[in-house]
N, C-alpha and C. Protein backbone atom coordinates (compact mmCIF):
# COMPACT_ATOMS: atom_id res chain seq x y z
N UNK A 1 -2.89 -5.47 12.41
CA UNK A 1 -3.56 -5.92 11.22
C UNK A 1 -3.59 -7.52 11.15
N UNK A 2 -4.73 -8.04 10.95
CA UNK A 2 -4.84 -9.56 11.01
C UNK A 2 -4.05 -10.07 9.81
N UNK A 3 -3.44 -11.32 9.96
CA UNK A 3 -2.66 -11.94 8.99
C UNK A 3 -3.46 -12.12 7.66
N UNK A 4 -4.66 -12.39 7.72
CA UNK A 4 -5.48 -12.67 6.57
C UNK A 4 -5.63 -11.38 5.65
N UNK A 5 -5.37 -10.13 6.16
CA UNK A 5 -5.39 -8.94 5.36
C UNK A 5 -3.99 -8.48 5.09
N UNK A 6 -2.86 -9.26 5.28
CA UNK A 6 -1.58 -8.86 4.95
C UNK A 6 -1.07 -9.72 3.86
N UNK A 7 -0.19 -9.26 3.03
CA UNK A 7 0.62 -10.07 2.10
C UNK A 7 1.77 -10.52 2.97
N UNK A 8 1.67 -11.75 3.53
CA UNK A 8 2.68 -12.16 4.51
C UNK A 8 3.80 -12.90 3.80
N UNK A 9 3.56 -13.55 2.67
CA UNK A 9 4.62 -14.30 2.00
C UNK A 9 5.41 -13.44 0.98
N UNK A 10 6.70 -13.65 0.90
CA UNK A 10 7.50 -12.89 -0.06
C UNK A 10 7.14 -13.34 -1.48
N UNK A 11 6.64 -14.54 -1.70
CA UNK A 11 6.24 -14.97 -3.10
C UNK A 11 4.96 -14.17 -3.47
N UNK A 12 4.11 -13.81 -2.58
CA UNK A 12 2.96 -13.06 -2.97
C UNK A 12 3.29 -11.63 -3.29
N UNK A 13 4.18 -11.08 -2.57
CA UNK A 13 4.63 -9.67 -2.90
C UNK A 13 5.36 -9.71 -4.25
N UNK A 14 6.18 -10.75 -4.47
CA UNK A 14 6.92 -10.75 -5.75
C UNK A 14 6.02 -10.92 -6.88
N UNK A 15 4.89 -11.71 -6.77
CA UNK A 15 3.90 -11.91 -7.82
C UNK A 15 3.22 -10.58 -8.13
N UNK A 16 2.95 -9.82 -7.13
CA UNK A 16 2.26 -8.50 -7.32
C UNK A 16 3.25 -7.55 -7.95
N UNK A 17 4.45 -7.59 -7.56
CA UNK A 17 5.48 -6.65 -8.18
C UNK A 17 5.76 -7.00 -9.60
N UNK A 18 5.76 -8.30 -9.88
CA UNK A 18 6.11 -8.75 -11.29
C UNK A 18 4.92 -8.61 -12.27
N UNK A 19 3.65 -8.99 -11.84
CA UNK A 19 2.57 -9.03 -12.72
C UNK A 19 1.54 -7.89 -12.51
N UNK A 20 1.69 -7.13 -11.44
CA UNK A 20 0.62 -6.16 -11.12
C UNK A 20 0.77 -4.91 -11.98
N UNK A 21 -0.45 -4.16 -11.80
CA UNK A 21 -0.57 -2.81 -12.48
C UNK A 21 0.08 -1.81 -11.49
N UNK A 22 0.70 -0.80 -12.13
CA UNK A 22 1.41 0.17 -11.33
C UNK A 22 0.91 1.58 -11.57
N UNK A 23 0.98 2.35 -10.43
CA UNK A 23 0.75 3.77 -10.51
C UNK A 23 1.67 4.52 -9.54
N UNK A 24 2.32 5.49 -10.10
CA UNK A 24 3.33 6.21 -9.30
C UNK A 24 2.66 7.52 -8.83
N UNK A 25 2.64 7.69 -7.47
CA UNK A 25 2.07 8.89 -6.86
C UNK A 25 3.30 9.76 -6.42
N UNK A 26 2.96 10.90 -5.92
CA UNK A 26 4.03 11.83 -5.50
C UNK A 26 4.99 11.21 -4.41
N UNK A 27 4.46 10.45 -3.51
CA UNK A 27 5.21 9.93 -2.41
C UNK A 27 5.27 8.41 -2.40
N UNK A 28 4.45 7.75 -3.17
CA UNK A 28 4.27 6.30 -3.11
C UNK A 28 4.16 5.64 -4.48
N UNK A 29 4.54 4.39 -4.59
CA UNK A 29 4.28 3.66 -5.77
C UNK A 29 3.25 2.57 -5.34
N UNK A 30 2.16 2.49 -6.17
CA UNK A 30 1.10 1.53 -5.90
C UNK A 30 1.11 0.42 -6.94
N UNK A 31 1.16 -0.83 -6.40
CA UNK A 31 1.16 -1.96 -7.37
C UNK A 31 0.03 -2.83 -6.92
N UNK A 32 -0.90 -3.25 -7.85
CA UNK A 32 -1.97 -4.06 -7.39
C UNK A 32 -2.36 -5.12 -8.43
N UNK A 33 -2.98 -6.21 -7.97
CA UNK A 33 -3.29 -7.31 -8.79
C UNK A 33 -4.46 -8.05 -8.14
N UNK A 34 -5.32 -8.72 -8.94
CA UNK A 34 -6.39 -9.49 -8.37
C UNK A 34 -5.86 -10.78 -7.68
N UNK A 35 -6.61 -11.22 -6.65
CA UNK A 35 -6.19 -12.48 -5.92
C UNK A 35 -7.38 -13.40 -5.91
N UNK A 36 -7.11 -14.60 -5.38
CA UNK A 36 -8.15 -15.59 -5.39
C UNK A 36 -8.56 -15.88 -3.85
N UNK A 37 -8.15 -15.06 -2.98
CA UNK A 37 -8.46 -15.34 -1.55
C UNK A 37 -9.84 -14.83 -1.16
N UNK A 38 -10.39 -13.92 -2.01
CA UNK A 38 -11.70 -13.43 -1.69
C UNK A 38 -11.73 -12.26 -0.74
N UNK A 39 -10.53 -11.65 -0.42
CA UNK A 39 -10.49 -10.54 0.46
C UNK A 39 -9.28 -9.67 0.13
N UNK A 40 -9.35 -8.36 0.39
CA UNK A 40 -8.27 -7.52 -0.03
C UNK A 40 -7.10 -7.71 1.02
N UNK A 41 -5.91 -7.66 0.40
CA UNK A 41 -4.68 -7.75 1.22
C UNK A 41 -3.74 -6.67 0.88
N UNK A 42 -2.88 -6.38 1.84
CA UNK A 42 -1.84 -5.26 1.56
C UNK A 42 -0.45 -5.66 1.98
N UNK A 43 0.50 -5.24 1.29
CA UNK A 43 1.91 -5.33 1.66
C UNK A 43 2.61 -4.02 1.62
N UNK A 44 3.41 -3.72 2.55
CA UNK A 44 4.06 -2.45 2.65
C UNK A 44 5.59 -2.65 2.50
N UNK A 45 6.12 -1.78 1.60
CA UNK A 45 7.58 -1.79 1.34
C UNK A 45 8.09 -0.43 1.73
N UNK A 46 8.86 -0.35 2.80
CA UNK A 46 9.38 0.89 3.26
C UNK A 46 10.89 0.83 3.30
N UNK A 47 11.57 1.16 2.24
CA UNK A 47 13.03 1.08 2.19
C UNK A 47 13.69 2.07 3.14
N UNK A 48 14.93 1.77 3.51
CA UNK A 48 15.68 2.46 4.49
C UNK A 48 15.98 3.95 4.04
N UNK A 49 16.44 4.08 2.85
CA UNK A 49 16.79 5.47 2.37
C UNK A 49 17.60 6.27 3.45
N UNK A 50 18.49 5.63 4.10
CA UNK A 50 19.30 6.22 5.22
C UNK A 50 18.42 6.92 6.19
N UNK A 51 17.29 6.48 6.48
CA UNK A 51 16.49 7.05 7.52
C UNK A 51 16.53 6.11 8.75
N UNK A 52 16.12 6.65 9.88
CA UNK A 52 16.29 5.89 11.11
C UNK A 52 15.11 4.94 11.24
N UNK A 53 15.29 3.95 12.16
CA UNK A 53 14.20 2.93 12.37
C UNK A 53 12.85 3.62 12.82
N UNK A 54 13.11 4.70 13.58
CA UNK A 54 11.89 5.44 14.12
C UNK A 54 11.16 5.97 12.94
N UNK A 55 11.85 6.59 11.98
CA UNK A 55 11.14 7.20 10.73
C UNK A 55 10.50 6.15 9.99
N UNK A 56 11.15 5.02 9.73
CA UNK A 56 10.55 3.93 8.97
C UNK A 56 9.29 3.32 9.62
N UNK A 57 9.38 3.16 10.91
CA UNK A 57 8.22 2.64 11.60
C UNK A 57 7.09 3.59 11.69
N UNK A 58 7.35 4.88 11.81
CA UNK A 58 6.30 5.84 11.76
C UNK A 58 5.62 5.89 10.39
N UNK A 59 6.35 5.83 9.33
CA UNK A 59 5.77 5.86 7.99
C UNK A 59 4.90 4.54 7.81
N UNK A 60 5.50 3.41 8.28
CA UNK A 60 4.74 2.16 8.14
C UNK A 60 3.42 2.21 8.89
N UNK A 61 3.48 2.74 10.07
CA UNK A 61 2.27 2.86 10.91
C UNK A 61 1.21 3.79 10.22
N UNK A 62 1.68 4.85 9.68
CA UNK A 62 0.81 5.80 9.00
C UNK A 62 0.10 5.07 7.82
N UNK A 63 0.85 4.39 6.97
CA UNK A 63 0.34 3.76 5.82
C UNK A 63 -0.64 2.62 6.28
N UNK A 64 -0.35 1.82 7.29
CA UNK A 64 -1.25 0.83 7.81
C UNK A 64 -2.60 1.46 8.24
N UNK A 65 -2.50 2.52 8.88
CA UNK A 65 -3.72 3.11 9.42
C UNK A 65 -4.67 3.68 8.30
N UNK A 66 -4.00 4.26 7.27
CA UNK A 66 -4.80 4.71 6.14
C UNK A 66 -5.36 3.55 5.40
N UNK A 67 -4.68 2.44 5.28
CA UNK A 67 -5.20 1.26 4.66
C UNK A 67 -6.43 0.77 5.49
N UNK A 68 -6.24 0.70 6.81
CA UNK A 68 -7.33 0.13 7.64
C UNK A 68 -8.53 1.00 7.67
N UNK A 69 -8.36 2.37 7.77
CA UNK A 69 -9.55 3.24 7.84
C UNK A 69 -10.23 3.66 6.51
N UNK A 70 -9.37 3.77 5.45
CA UNK A 70 -9.93 4.32 4.26
C UNK A 70 -9.93 3.45 2.98
N UNK A 71 -9.05 2.54 2.84
CA UNK A 71 -8.87 1.84 1.55
C UNK A 71 -9.40 0.41 1.59
N UNK A 72 -9.17 -0.33 2.67
CA UNK A 72 -9.40 -1.68 2.81
C UNK A 72 -10.84 -2.12 2.28
N UNK A 73 -11.83 -1.48 2.76
CA UNK A 73 -13.24 -1.76 2.47
C UNK A 73 -13.56 -1.49 0.95
N UNK A 74 -12.82 -0.59 0.32
CA UNK A 74 -13.19 -0.25 -1.09
C UNK A 74 -12.27 -1.00 -2.00
N UNK A 75 -11.32 -1.75 -1.60
CA UNK A 75 -10.32 -2.35 -2.52
C UNK A 75 -10.75 -3.59 -3.21
N UNK A 76 -11.97 -4.14 -2.74
CA UNK A 76 -12.47 -5.37 -3.29
C UNK A 76 -11.58 -6.57 -2.93
N UNK A 77 -11.29 -7.35 -3.87
CA UNK A 77 -10.50 -8.65 -3.55
C UNK A 77 -9.24 -8.68 -4.25
N UNK A 78 -8.40 -7.75 -4.04
CA UNK A 78 -7.04 -7.68 -4.77
C UNK A 78 -5.96 -7.64 -3.78
N UNK A 79 -4.78 -7.78 -4.25
CA UNK A 79 -3.57 -7.65 -3.40
C UNK A 79 -3.06 -6.29 -3.86
N UNK A 80 -2.53 -5.44 -2.80
CA UNK A 80 -1.97 -4.11 -3.08
C UNK A 80 -0.63 -4.10 -2.36
N UNK A 81 0.30 -3.68 -3.09
CA UNK A 81 1.70 -3.36 -2.46
C UNK A 81 1.84 -1.93 -2.49
N UNK A 82 2.15 -1.30 -1.38
CA UNK A 82 2.37 0.15 -1.32
C UNK A 82 3.91 0.22 -1.01
N UNK A 83 4.56 0.91 -1.95
CA UNK A 83 6.04 1.05 -1.77
C UNK A 83 6.28 2.57 -1.55
N UNK A 84 6.93 2.83 -0.38
CA UNK A 84 7.22 4.23 -0.08
C UNK A 84 8.42 4.67 -0.92
N UNK A 85 8.31 5.97 -1.41
CA UNK A 85 9.47 6.56 -2.01
C UNK A 85 10.18 7.39 -1.08
N UNK A 86 11.29 7.87 -1.46
CA UNK A 86 12.19 8.67 -0.50
C UNK A 86 11.39 9.92 -0.01
N UNK A 87 10.56 10.51 -0.80
CA UNK A 87 9.75 11.66 -0.43
C UNK A 87 8.76 11.48 0.57
N UNK A 88 8.37 10.14 0.79
CA UNK A 88 7.33 9.86 1.75
C UNK A 88 7.71 10.15 3.13
N UNK A 89 9.00 10.07 3.42
CA UNK A 89 9.44 10.36 4.79
C UNK A 89 9.19 11.88 5.30
N UNK A 90 9.12 12.75 4.34
CA UNK A 90 8.91 14.14 4.66
C UNK A 90 7.32 14.44 4.63
N UNK A 91 6.57 13.55 4.14
CA UNK A 91 5.11 13.82 4.01
C UNK A 91 4.47 13.54 5.33
N UNK A 92 3.36 14.34 5.60
CA UNK A 92 2.64 14.23 6.76
C UNK A 92 1.50 13.19 6.53
N UNK A 93 0.82 12.83 7.61
CA UNK A 93 -0.29 11.84 7.50
C UNK A 93 -1.43 12.30 6.53
N UNK A 94 -1.82 13.51 6.66
CA UNK A 94 -2.90 14.11 5.83
C UNK A 94 -2.50 14.11 4.36
N UNK A 95 -1.26 14.32 4.08
CA UNK A 95 -0.80 14.39 2.69
C UNK A 95 -0.77 12.97 2.06
N UNK A 96 -0.23 12.00 2.90
CA UNK A 96 -0.25 10.68 2.35
C UNK A 96 -1.68 10.16 2.15
N UNK A 97 -2.57 10.42 3.09
CA UNK A 97 -3.95 10.02 3.02
C UNK A 97 -4.62 10.63 1.85
N UNK A 98 -4.47 11.88 1.61
CA UNK A 98 -5.16 12.51 0.40
C UNK A 98 -4.65 11.87 -0.86
N UNK A 99 -3.40 11.56 -1.00
CA UNK A 99 -2.81 10.94 -2.20
C UNK A 99 -3.45 9.50 -2.38
N UNK A 100 -3.50 8.78 -1.26
CA UNK A 100 -4.07 7.37 -1.37
C UNK A 100 -5.61 7.48 -1.66
N UNK A 101 -6.34 8.46 -1.10
CA UNK A 101 -7.79 8.52 -1.33
C UNK A 101 -7.98 8.96 -2.83
N UNK A 102 -7.15 9.79 -3.37
CA UNK A 102 -7.28 10.20 -4.73
C UNK A 102 -7.01 8.99 -5.62
N UNK A 103 -6.01 8.17 -5.30
CA UNK A 103 -5.75 6.96 -6.05
C UNK A 103 -6.88 6.01 -5.96
N UNK A 104 -7.43 5.81 -4.81
CA UNK A 104 -8.54 4.89 -4.57
C UNK A 104 -9.75 5.33 -5.41
N UNK A 105 -10.04 6.65 -5.50
CA UNK A 105 -11.25 7.15 -6.18
C UNK A 105 -11.02 7.04 -7.71
N UNK A 106 -9.76 7.03 -8.14
CA UNK A 106 -9.52 6.94 -9.55
C UNK A 106 -9.44 5.50 -10.07
N UNK A 107 -9.41 4.49 -9.12
CA UNK A 107 -9.41 3.15 -9.55
C UNK A 107 -10.65 2.70 -10.22
N UNK A 108 -10.58 1.90 -11.29
CA UNK A 108 -11.74 1.42 -11.91
C UNK A 108 -12.38 0.34 -11.03
N UNK A 109 -13.70 0.27 -10.96
CA UNK A 109 -14.33 -0.68 -10.05
C UNK A 109 -14.38 -2.03 -10.84
N UNK A 110 -13.83 -3.04 -10.20
CA UNK A 110 -13.89 -4.31 -10.82
C UNK A 110 -14.78 -5.22 -10.07
N UNK A 111 -15.23 -6.34 -10.70
CA UNK A 111 -16.10 -7.27 -10.03
C UNK A 111 -15.41 -8.15 -9.09
């Protein structure tokens, strides 16, 4: 994922977590806020939850791929932080994808 489409700085992630709008899904917490960069950016938070590095990296790769394929082009110009919940480790790719697509379709379209 190119650096321009990531929330690379901790201060950007903190700003989104502090001032952003939230939506809790079955396996994920979605936090989003408008930005001034002119392009959508994403940050992933995948806590350990006593899971192995392999499981964390697999979950991170799944979320990145869903962002790249399905959400990025529809997210307009905002920052999005996706925080995995404990239940996300047991969810499959299709289940995570369907939740994120449902969230994306329920989002109000902003200018």
